[in-house]
PDB file of N, CA and C in Angstrom:
ATOM      1  N   MET A   1      18.681  -8.011   1.224  1.00  0.00           N
ATOM      2  CA  MET A   1      17.471  -8.072   2.018  1.00  0.00           C
ATOM      3  C   MET A   1      16.723  -6.327   1.692  1.00  0.00           C
ATOM      4  N   SER A   2      15.593  -6.254   1.357  1.00  0.00           N
ATOM      5  CA  SER A   2      15.008  -5.051   0.814  1.00  0.00           C
ATOM      6  C   SER A   2      14.564  -4.196   2.093  1.00  0.00           C
ATOM      7  N   THR A   3      14.746  -3.151   2.149  1.00  0.00           N
ATOM      8  CA  THR A   3      14.346  -2.276   3.710  1.00  0.00           C
ATOM      9  C   THR A   3      12.786  -2.589   4.070  1.00  0.00           C
ATOM     10  N   LEU A   4      12.094  -2.841   3.244  1.00  0.00           N
ATOM     11  CA  LEU A   4      10.507  -3.506   3.918  1.00  0.00           C
ATOM     12  C   LEU A   4      10.706  -4.851   4.758  1.00  0.00           C
ATOM     13  N   GLN A   5      11.463  -5.560   4.052  1.00  0.00           N
ATOM     14  CA  GLN A   5      11.758  -7.105   4.349  1.00  0.00           C
ATOM     15  C   GLN A   5      12.435  -6.826   5.975  1.00  0.00           C
ATOM     16  N   LYS A   6      12.973  -5.751   6.454  1.00  0.00           N
ATOM     17  CA  LYS A   6      13.908  -5.945   7.465  1.00  0.00           C
ATOM     18  C   LYS A   6      12.819  -5.641   8.830  1.00  0.00           C
ATOM     19  N   PHE A   7      11.323  -5.662   8.314  1.00  0.00           N
ATOM     20  CA  PHE A   7      10.082  -5.312   9.452  1.00  0.00           C
ATOM     21  C   PHE A   7       9.345  -6.672   9.171  1.00  0.00           C
ATOM     22  N   HIS A   8       8.310  -6.423  10.461  1.00  0.00           N
ATOM     23  CA  HIS A   8       7.402  -7.557  10.215  1.00  0.00           C
ATOM     24  C   HIS A   8       6.215  -6.926   9.538  1.00  0.00           C
ATOM     25  N   VAL A   9       6.306  -6.999   8.305  1.00  0.00           N
ATOM     26  CA  VAL A   9       4.678  -6.417   7.700  1.00  0.00           C
ATOM     27  C   VAL A   9       4.683  -7.239   6.645  1.00  0.00           C
ATOM     28  N   GLN A  10       3.254  -7.219   6.459  1.00  0.00           N
ATOM     29  CA  GLN A  10       2.757  -7.649   5.259  1.00  0.00           C
ATOM     30  C   GLN A  10       2.438  -6.702   3.818  1.00  0.00           C
ATOM     31  N   VAL A  11       3.037  -6.922   2.856  1.00  0.00           N
ATOM     32  CA  VAL A  11       2.843  -5.574   1.798  1.00  0.00           C
ATOM     33  C   VAL A  11       1.918  -6.047   0.832  1.00  0.00           C
ATOM     34  N   PHE A  12       1.096  -5.053   0.226  1.00  0.00           N
ATOM     35  CA  PHE A  12       0.384  -5.175  -0.632  1.00  0.00           C
ATOM     36  C   PHE A  12      -0.510  -4.273  -1.310  1.00  0.00           C
ATOM     37  N   ALA A  13      -0.627  -3.831  -2.367  1.00  0.00           N
ATOM     38  CA  ALA A  13      -1.614  -2.878  -2.936  1.00  0.00           C
ATOM     39  C   ALA A  13      -2.837  -3.072  -3.136  1.00  0.00           C
ATOM     40  N   ALA A  14      -3.492  -2.022  -3.471  1.00  0.00           N
ATOM     41  CA  ALA A  14      -4.916  -2.237  -3.797  1.00  0.00           C
ATOM     42  C   ALA A  14      -5.376  -1.403  -4.993  1.00  0.00           C
ATOM     43  N   SER A  15      -6.167  -1.401  -6.154  1.00  0.00           N
ATOM     44  CA  SER A  15      -6.501  -1.321  -7.271  1.00  0.00           C
ATOM     45  C   SER A  15      -7.681  -1.337  -7.263  1.00  0.00           C
ATOM     46  N   VAL A  16      -8.404  -0.203  -8.023  1.00  0.00           N
ATOM     47  CA  VAL A  16     -10.011  -0.312  -8.702  1.00  0.00           C
ATOM     48  C   VAL A  16     -10.048  -1.479  -9.904  1.00  0.00           C
ATOM     49  N   ASP A  17      -8.968  -1.423 -10.335  1.00  0.00           N
ATOM     50  CA  ASP A  17      -8.815  -2.249 -11.617  1.00  0.00           C
ATOM     51  C   ASP A  17      -8.995  -3.969 -11.278  1.00  0.00           C
ATOM     52  N   ASN A  18      -9.714  -4.546 -12.404  1.00  0.00           N
ATOM     53  CA  ASN A  18      -9.830  -5.909 -12.013  1.00  0.00           C
ATOM     54  C   ASN A  18      -8.628  -7.101 -12.167  1.00  0.00           C
ATOM     55  N   ALA A  19      -8.789  -7.716 -11.252  1.00  0.00           N
ATOM     56  CA  ALA A  19      -7.486  -8.925 -11.016  1.00  0.00           C
ATOM     57  C   ALA A  19      -6.593  -8.913 -12.022  1.00  0.00           C
ATOM     58  N   GLU A  20      -7.345  -9.464 -12.889  1.00  0.00           N
ATOM     59  CA  GLU A  20      -6.523  -9.719 -14.475  1.00  0.00           C
ATOM     60  C   GLU A  20      -5.261  -8.550 -14.684  1.00  0.00           C
ATOM     61  N   THR A  21      -5.958  -7.250 -14.768  1.00  0.00           N
ATOM     62  CA  THR A  21      -5.180  -6.347 -14.846  1.00  0.00           C
ATOM     63  C   THR A  21      -4.171  -6.301 -14.196  1.00  0.00           C
ATOM     64  N   ASN A  22      -4.425  -6.307 -12.788  1.00  0.00           N
ATOM     65  CA  ASN A  22      -3.419  -6.003 -11.844  1.00  0.00           C
ATOM     66  C   ASN A  22      -2.371  -7.129 -11.660  1.00  0.00           C
ATOM     67  N   LYS A  23      -2.824  -8.376 -11.892  1.00  0.00           N
ATOM     68  CA  LYS A  23      -1.730  -9.378 -12.329  1.00  0.00           C
ATOM     69  C   LYS A  23      -0.611  -9.067 -13.144  1.00  0.00           C
ATOM     70  N   ARG A  24      -1.187  -8.522 -14.541  1.00  0.00           N
ATOM     71  CA  ARG A  24      -0.358  -8.260 -15.221  1.00  0.00           C
ATOM     72  C   ARG A  24       0.776  -6.917 -15.156  1.00  0.00           C
ATOM     73  N   PHE A  25      -0.408  -6.309 -14.630  1.00  0.00           N
ATOM     74  CA  PHE A  25       0.747  -4.723 -13.911  1.00  0.00           C
ATOM     75  C   PHE A  25       1.773  -5.049 -13.039  1.00  0.00           C
ATOM     76  N   ALA A  26       1.759  -6.103 -12.138  1.00  0.00           N
ATOM     77  CA  ALA A  26       2.593  -6.768 -11.080  1.00  0.00           C
ATOM     78  C   ALA A  26       3.690  -7.403 -11.947  1.00  0.00           C
ATOM     79  N   ASP A  27       3.309  -8.242 -12.840  1.00  0.00           N
ATOM     80  CA  ASP A  27       4.235  -9.010 -13.202  1.00  0.00           C
ATOM     81  C   ASP A  27       5.462  -8.273 -14.334  1.00  0.00           C
ATOM     82  N   GLU A  28       4.533  -7.147 -14.996  1.00  0.00           N
ATOM     83  CA  GLU A  28       5.362  -6.091 -15.738  1.00  0.00           C
ATOM     84  C   GLU A  28       6.317  -5.715 -15.051  1.00  0.00           C
ATOM     85  N   HIS A  29       5.960  -5.165 -13.610  1.00  0.00           N
ATOM     86  CA  HIS A  29       6.943  -4.160 -13.074  1.00  0.00           C
ATOM     87  C   HIS A  29       7.925  -5.265 -11.769  1.00  0.00           C
ATOM     88  N   HIS A  30       7.560  -6.252 -12.206  1.00  0.00           N
ATOM     89  CA  HIS A  30       8.140  -7.205 -11.233  1.00  0.00           C
ATOM     90  C   HIS A  30       8.096  -7.011  -9.430  1.00  0.00           C
ATOM     91  N   TYR A  31       6.833  -6.672  -9.343  1.00  0.00           N
ATOM     92  CA  TYR A  31       6.662  -6.456  -7.877  1.00  0.00           C
ATOM     93  C   TYR A  31       6.809  -8.054  -7.131  1.00  0.00           C
ATOM     94  N   ASN A  32       7.039  -8.172  -5.961  1.00  0.00           N
ATOM     95  CA  ASN A  32       7.154  -9.310  -4.957  1.00  0.00           C
ATOM     96  C   ASN A  32       5.837  -9.341  -4.063  1.00  0.00           C
ATOM     97  N   PHE A  33       5.022  -8.479  -4.177  1.00  0.00           N
ATOM     98  CA  PHE A  33       3.736  -8.088  -3.593  1.00  0.00           C
ATOM     99  C   PHE A  33       2.419  -8.492  -4.250  1.00  0.00           C
ATOM    100  N   PRO A  34       1.594  -8.741  -3.853  1.00  0.00           N
ATOM    101  CA  PRO A  34      -0.094  -8.779  -4.694  1.00  0.00           C
ATOM    102  C   PRO A  34      -0.441  -7.787  -4.648  1.00  0.00           C
ATOM    103  N   ILE A  35      -1.063  -7.234  -6.049  1.00  0.00           N
ATOM    104  CA  ILE A  35      -2.114  -5.998  -5.926  1.00  0.00           C
ATOM    105  C   ILE A  35      -3.531  -6.532  -5.886  1.00  0.00           C
ATOM    106  N   LEU A  36      -4.110  -6.339  -4.955  1.00  0.00           N
ATOM    107  CA  LEU A  36      -5.630  -6.543  -4.381  1.00  0.00           C
ATOM    108  C   LEU A  36      -6.777  -5.805  -5.724  1.00  0.00           C
ATOM    109  N   SER A  37      -7.486  -6.287  -5.959  1.00  0.00           N
ATOM    110  CA  SER A  37      -8.824  -5.966  -6.831  1.00  0.00           C
ATOM    111  C   SER A  37      -9.889  -5.297  -6.219  1.00  0.00           C
ATOM    112  N   ASP A  38     -10.068  -4.369  -6.350  1.00  0.00           N
ATOM    113  CA  ASP A  38     -11.710  -3.448  -5.998  1.00  0.00           C
ATOM    114  C   ASP A  38     -12.163  -2.987  -6.947  1.00  0.00           C
ATOM    115  N   PRO A  39     -12.725  -3.721  -7.902  1.00  0.00           N
ATOM    116  CA  PRO A  39     -13.294  -3.061  -9.022  1.00  0.00           C
ATOM    117  C   PRO A  39     -14.866  -2.491  -8.615  1.00  0.00           C
ATOM    118  N   ASP A  40     -15.407  -2.956  -7.649  1.00  0.00           N
ATOM    119  CA  ASP A  40     -16.660  -2.083  -7.143  1.00  0.00           C
ATOM    120  C   ASP A  40     -16.391  -0.892  -6.341  1.00  0.00           C
ATOM    121  N   LYS A  41     -15.137  -0.556  -6.078  1.00  0.00           N
ATOM    122  CA  LYS A  41     -14.538   0.780  -5.645  1.00  0.00           C
ATOM    123  C   LYS A  41     -15.142   0.805  -3.832  1.00  0.00           C
ATOM    124  N   ALA A  42     -15.576  -0.364  -3.282  1.00  0.00           N
ATOM    125  CA  ALA A  42     -16.218  -0.495  -1.966  1.00  0.00           C
ATOM    126  C   ALA A  42     -14.779   0.002  -0.847  1.00  0.00           C
ATOM    127  N   VAL A  43     -13.643  -0.744  -1.222  1.00  0.00           N
ATOM    128  CA  VAL A  43     -12.613  -0.309  -0.542  1.00  0.00           C
ATOM    129  C   VAL A  43     -12.345   0.627  -0.625  1.00  0.00           C
ATOM    130  N   ALA A  44     -11.915   1.174  -1.641  1.00  0.00           N
ATOM    131  CA  ALA A  44     -11.548   2.535  -1.813  1.00  0.00           C
ATOM    132  C   ALA A  44     -12.510   3.586  -1.224  1.00  0.00           C
ATOM    133  N   LYS A  45     -13.654   3.574  -1.165  1.00  0.00           N
ATOM    134  CA  LYS A  45     -14.430   4.546  -0.813  1.00  0.00           C
ATOM    135  C   LYS A  45     -13.924   4.474   0.543  1.00  0.00           C
ATOM    136  N   ALA A  46     -14.350   3.279   1.506  1.00  0.00           N
ATOM    137  CA  ALA A  46     -14.220   3.202   2.938  1.00  0.00           C
ATOM    138  C   ALA A  46     -13.037   3.651   3.585  1.00  0.00           C
ATOM    139  N   TYR A  47     -11.842   3.779   2.577  1.00  0.00           N
ATOM    140  CA  TYR A  47     -10.430   4.169   3.254  1.00  0.00           C
ATOM    141  C   TYR A  47     -10.450   5.615   2.620  1.00  0.00           C
ATOM    142  N   GLY A  48     -11.517   6.488   1.845  1.00  0.00           N
ATOM    143  CA  GLY A  48     -11.200   7.480   1.740  1.00  0.00           C
ATOM    144  C   GLY A  48     -10.191   8.229   0.371  1.00  0.00           C
ATOM    145  N   VAL A  49      -9.901   6.952  -0.669  1.00  0.00           N
ATOM    146  CA  VAL A  49      -9.027   7.112  -1.210  1.00  0.00           C
ATOM    147  C   VAL A  49      -9.408   7.325  -2.537  1.00  0.00           C
ATOM    148  N   LEU A  50     -11.063   7.183  -2.904  1.00  0.00           N
ATOM    149  CA  LEU A  50     -11.379   7.124  -3.914  1.00  0.00           C
ATOM    150  C   LEU A  50     -11.677   8.980  -4.581  1.00  0.00           C
ATOM    151  N   ALA A  51     -10.835   9.260  -5.706  1.00  0.00           N
ATOM    152  CA  ALA A  51     -10.995  10.276  -6.231  1.00  0.00           C
ATOM    153  C   ALA A  51     -12.101  10.612  -7.081  1.00  0.00           C
ATOM    154  N   PRO A  52     -12.402  11.651  -7.545  1.00  0.00           N
ATOM    155  CA  PRO A  52     -13.724  12.061  -8.097  1.00  0.00           C
ATOM    156  C   PRO A  52     -14.004  11.512  -9.590  1.00  0.00           C
ATOM    157  N   ALA A  53     -12.517  11.533  -9.969  1.00  0.00           N
ATOM    158  CA  ALA A  53     -12.635  10.918 -11.640  1.00  0.00           C
ATOM    159  C   ALA A  53     -12.615   9.263 -11.322  1.00  0.00           C
ATOM    160  N   GLY A  54     -12.934   8.708 -10.329  1.00  0.00           N
ATOM    161  CA  GLY A  54     -12.990   7.373 -10.153  1.00  0.00           C
ATOM    162  C   GLY A  54     -11.917   6.273 -10.014  1.00  0.00           C
ATOM    163  N   TYR A  55     -10.868   6.869  -9.760  1.00  0.00           N
ATOM    164  CA  TYR A  55      -9.509   6.157  -9.452  1.00  0.00           C
ATOM    165  C   TYR A  55      -9.130   6.495  -8.166  1.00  0.00           C
ATOM    166  N   ALA A  56      -8.577   5.125  -7.602  1.00  0.00           N
ATOM    167  CA  ALA A  56      -7.914   5.552  -6.262  1.00  0.00           C
ATOM    168  C   ALA A  56      -6.542   6.159  -6.104  1.00  0.00           C
ATOM    169  N   GLN A  57      -6.465   6.904  -5.049  1.00  0.00           N
ATOM    170  CA  GLN A  57      -5.446   7.774  -5.082  1.00  0.00           C
ATOM    171  C   GLN A  57      -4.128   7.071  -4.537  1.00  0.00           C
ATOM    172  N   ARG A  58      -2.984   7.520  -4.730  1.00  0.00           N
ATOM    173  CA  ARG A  58      -1.865   6.389  -4.026  1.00  0.00           C
ATOM    174  C   ARG A  58      -1.564   6.782  -3.022  1.00  0.00           C
ATOM    175  N   TRP A  59      -2.122   6.281  -1.798  1.00  0.00           N
ATOM    176  CA  TRP A  59      -1.944   6.849  -0.454  1.00  0.00           C
ATOM    177  C   TRP A  59      -1.219   5.249   0.182  1.00  0.00           C
ATOM    178  N   THR A  60      -0.572   5.304   1.379  1.00  0.00           N
ATOM    179  CA  THR A  60      -0.013   4.510   1.960  1.00  0.00           C
ATOM    180  C   THR A  60      -0.445   4.464   3.483  1.00  0.00           C
ATOM    181  N   PHE A  61      -0.967   3.118   4.046  1.00  0.00           N
ATOM    182  CA  PHE A  61      -1.887   2.949   5.034  1.00  0.00           C
ATOM    183  C   PHE A  61      -0.814   1.803   5.877  1.00  0.00           C
ATOM    184  N   ILE A  62      -0.095   2.548   7.157  1.00  0.00           N
ATOM    185  CA  ILE A  62       0.446   1.444   7.842  1.00  0.00           C
ATOM    186  C   ILE A  62      -0.836   1.154   9.066  1.00  0.00           C
ATOM    187  N   ILE A  63      -0.985  -0.332   9.204  1.00  0.00           N
ATOM    188  CA  ILE A  63      -1.967  -0.903   9.879  1.00  0.00           C
ATOM    189  C   ILE A  63      -1.398  -1.947  10.720  1.00  0.00           C
ATOM    190  N   ASP A  64      -1.500  -1.659  11.907  1.00  0.00           N
ATOM    191  CA  ASP A  64      -0.868  -2.594  13.067  1.00  0.00           C
ATOM    192  C   ASP A  64      -1.476  -3.937  13.102  1.00  0.00           C
ATOM    193  N   ARG A  65      -0.948  -5.101  13.749  1.00  0.00           N
ATOM    194  CA  ARG A  65      -1.521  -6.277  13.911  1.00  0.00           C
ATOM    195  C   ARG A  65      -3.437  -6.238  14.561  1.00  0.00           C
ATOM    196  N   GLU A  66      -3.522  -5.289  15.214  1.00  0.00           N
ATOM    197  CA  GLU A  66      -4.726  -5.382  15.799  1.00  0.00           C
ATOM    198  C   GLU A  66      -5.797  -4.329  14.760  1.00  0.00           C
ATOM    199  N   GLY A  67      -5.265  -4.215  13.574  1.00  0.00           N
ATOM    200  CA  GLY A  67      -6.208  -3.523  12.461  1.00  0.00           C
ATOM    201  C   GLY A  67      -6.190  -1.755  12.659  1.00  0.00           C
ATOM    202  N   THR A  68      -5.400  -1.687  13.420  1.00  0.00           N
ATOM    203  CA  THR A  68      -5.724   0.432  13.938  1.00  0.00           C
ATOM    204  C   THR A  68      -4.251   1.049  12.606  1.00  0.00           C
ATOM    205  N   ILE A  69      -4.989   1.394  12.231  1.00  0.00           N
ATOM    206  CA  ILE A  69      -4.475   2.686  11.126  1.00  0.00           C
ATOM    207  C   ILE A  69      -3.195   3.511  11.924  1.00  0.00           C
ATOM    208  N   ARG A  70      -2.264   3.051  11.718  1.00  0.00           N
ATOM    209  CA  ARG A  70      -1.203   3.844  13.071  1.00  0.00           C
ATOM    210  C   ARG A  70      -0.585   4.715  12.018  1.00  0.00           C
ATOM    211  N   ALA A  71      -0.538   5.249  10.705  1.00  0.00           N
ATOM    212  CA  ALA A  71      -0.057   6.302   9.852  1.00  0.00           C
ATOM    213  C   ALA A  71      -0.624   6.021   8.544  1.00  0.00           C
ATOM    214  N   VAL A  72      -0.757   7.465   7.694  1.00  0.00           N
ATOM    215  CA  VAL A  72      -1.248   7.471   6.038  1.00  0.00           C
ATOM    216  C   VAL A  72      -0.556   8.235   5.699  1.00  0.00           C
ATOM    217  N   ASP A  73       0.318   7.953   4.658  1.00  0.00           N
ATOM    218  CA  ASP A  73       1.193   9.007   3.655  1.00  0.00           C
ATOM    219  C   ASP A  73       0.235   9.291   2.637  1.00  0.00           C
ATOM    220  N   GLN A  74      -0.519  10.485   2.676  1.00  0.00           N
ATOM    221  CA  GLN A  74      -0.924  10.891   1.589  1.00  0.00           C
ATOM    222  C   GLN A  74      -0.305  11.546   0.169  1.00  0.00           C
ATOM    223  N   LYS A  75       0.655  11.736   0.457  1.00  0.00           N
ATOM    224  CA  LYS A  75       1.697  12.088  -0.670  1.00  0.00           C
ATOM    225  C   LYS A  75       2.831  11.260  -1.046  1.00  0.00           C
ATOM    226  N   VAL A  76       2.496  10.148  -1.590  1.00  0.00           N
ATOM    227  CA  VAL A  76       3.486   8.937  -1.831  1.00  0.00           C
ATOM    228  C   VAL A  76       4.640   9.838  -3.160  1.00  0.00           C
ATOM    229  N   ASN A  77       5.758   9.776  -2.528  1.00  0.00           N
ATOM    230  CA  ASN A  77       6.833  10.183  -3.094  1.00  0.00           C
ATOM    231  C   ASN A  77       7.566   8.862  -3.898  1.00  0.00           C
ATOM    232  N   PHE A  78       7.292   8.427  -5.169  1.00  0.00           N
ATOM    233  CA  PHE A  78       7.648   7.478  -5.522  1.00  0.00           C
ATOM    234  C   PHE A  78       9.205   7.158  -5.658  1.00  0.00           C
ATOM    235  N   ALA A  79      10.133   8.188  -5.614  1.00  0.00           N
ATOM    236  CA  ALA A  79      11.331   8.291  -5.904  1.00  0.00           C
ATOM    237  C   ALA A  79      12.096   7.806  -4.481  1.00  0.00           C
ATOM    238  N   SER A  80      11.532   8.003  -3.012  1.00  0.00           N
ATOM    239  CA  SER A  80      11.924   8.061  -1.621  1.00  0.00           C
ATOM    240  C   SER A  80      11.116   7.164  -1.323  1.00  0.00           C
ATOM    241  N   HIS A  81       9.797   6.461  -1.790  1.00  0.00           N
ATOM    242  CA  HIS A  81       8.860   5.825  -0.857  1.00  0.00           C
ATOM    243  C   HIS A  81       9.407   4.617   0.141  1.00  0.00           C
ATOM    244  N   GLY A  82      10.316   3.824  -0.241  1.00  0.00           N
ATOM    245  CA  GLY A  82      10.926   2.909   0.255  1.00  0.00           C
ATOM    246  C   GLY A  82      11.554   3.380   1.451  1.00  0.00           C
ATOM    247  N   LYS A  83      12.393   4.382   1.370  1.00  0.00           N
ATOM    248  CA  LYS A  83      13.181   5.052   2.511  1.00  0.00           C
ATOM    249  C   LYS A  83      11.894   5.468   3.438  1.00  0.00           C
ATOM    250  N   ASP A  84      11.179   6.439   2.805  1.00  0.00           N
ATOM    251  CA  ASP A  84      10.096   7.014   3.652  1.00  0.00           C
ATOM    252  C   ASP A  84       9.041   6.202   4.398  1.00  0.00           C
ATOM    253  N   LEU A  85       8.868   4.961   3.938  1.00  0.00           N
ATOM    254  CA  LEU A  85       7.816   3.949   4.596  1.00  0.00           C
ATOM    255  C   LEU A  85       8.717   3.099   5.686  1.00  0.00           C
ATOM    256  N   ALA A  86       9.930   3.012   5.811  1.00  0.00           N
ATOM    257  CA  ALA A  86      10.782   2.502   6.669  1.00  0.00           C
ATOM    258  C   ALA A  86      10.723   3.617   7.726  1.00  0.00           C
ATOM    259  N   LYS A  87      10.894   4.804   7.254  1.00  0.00           N
ATOM    260  CA  LYS A  87      10.557   5.754   8.681  1.00  0.00           C
ATOM    261  C   LYS A  87       9.445   5.637   9.255  1.00  0.00           C
ATOM    262  N   ALA A  88       8.418   5.475   8.343  1.00  0.00           N
ATOM    263  CA  ALA A  88       7.409   5.926   9.467  1.00  0.00           C
ATOM    264  C   ALA A  88       7.007   4.394  10.072  1.00  0.00           C
ATOM    265  N   LEU A  89       7.474   3.210   9.612  1.00  0.00           N
ATOM    266  CA  LEU A  89       7.424   2.256  10.271  1.00  0.00           C
ATOM    267  C   LEU A  89       7.998   2.060  11.686  1.00  0.00           C
ATOM    268  N   GLU A  90       9.468   2.438  11.563  1.00  0.00           N
ATOM    269  CA  GLU A  90       9.822   2.740  12.678  1.00  0.00           C
ATOM    270  C   GLU A  90       8.798   3.710  13.797  1.00  0.00           C
ATOM    271  N   ALA A  91       8.637   4.914  13.327  1.00  0.00           N
ATOM    272  CA  ALA A  91       8.121   6.175  14.240  1.00  0.00           C
ATOM    273  C   ALA A  91       6.224   5.513  14.303  1.00  0.00           C
ATOM    274  N   ALA A  92       5.951   4.418  14.028  1.00  0.00           N
ATOM    275  CA  ALA A  92       5.083   3.705  14.327  1.00  0.00           C
ATOM    276  C   ALA A  92       5.407   2.620  15.243  1.00  0.00           C
ATOM    277  N   GLY A  93       6.543   2.240  15.400  1.00  0.00           N
ATOM    278  CA  GLY A  93       6.834   1.220  16.527  1.00  0.00           C
ATOM    279  C   GLY A  93       6.388  -0.267  15.926  1.00  0.00           C
ATOM    280  N   ILE A  94       6.376  -0.672  14.908  1.00  0.00           N
ATOM    281  CA  ILE A  94       6.542  -1.591  13.761  1.00  0.00           C
ATOM    282  C   ILE A  94       7.774  -2.531  14.239  1.00  0.00           C
ATOM    283  N   PRO A  95       7.487  -3.660  14.691  1.00  0.00           N
ATOM    284  CA  PRO A  95       8.842  -4.201  15.072  1.00  0.00           C
ATOM    285  C   PRO A  95       9.627  -4.906  13.803  1.00  0.00           C
ATOM    286  N   ARG A  96      11.181  -4.984  13.909  1.00  0.00           N
ATOM    287  CA  ARG A  96      11.935  -4.978  13.186  1.00  0.00           C
ATOM    288  C   ARG A  96      11.990  -6.525  13.184  1.00  0.00           C
ATOM    289  N   ARG A  97      12.221  -7.720  12.265  1.00  0.00           N
ATOM    290  CA  ARG A  97      12.652  -8.779  12.412  1.00  0.00           C
ATOM    291  C   ARG A  97      13.890  -9.309  12.826  1.00  0.00           C
TER     292      ARG A  97
END
C-alpha cells in the first residue's frame, strides 16, 4: 500500500494541457490517479497557480470533505513529496483508513 493509500483521500492532478496530452503523460509515467484538464486555465487562475508564462505552478492542495483548503505546499519537492504530503495530511487531521 502506498503512503497516500493509508489515508481517506482522493488524489488527482490538474494541468492546463488538454485531456489527451494529460492521459498520455499519466500513462507514460504509470500514474494511478487522473490528471484533470484545465485548458482555458480558469481553475489555475482561481487557485492562484497560473504562472505569468501561462503554465500551472506545481502546488499541492489538501482539501477536506467540506471543501475547505487545509494546507498548500507551494514548494513541492518531487524526491520527498509523498512523505511530505503524508505529514501534511496528518497535520491537517485527515483520517487514516
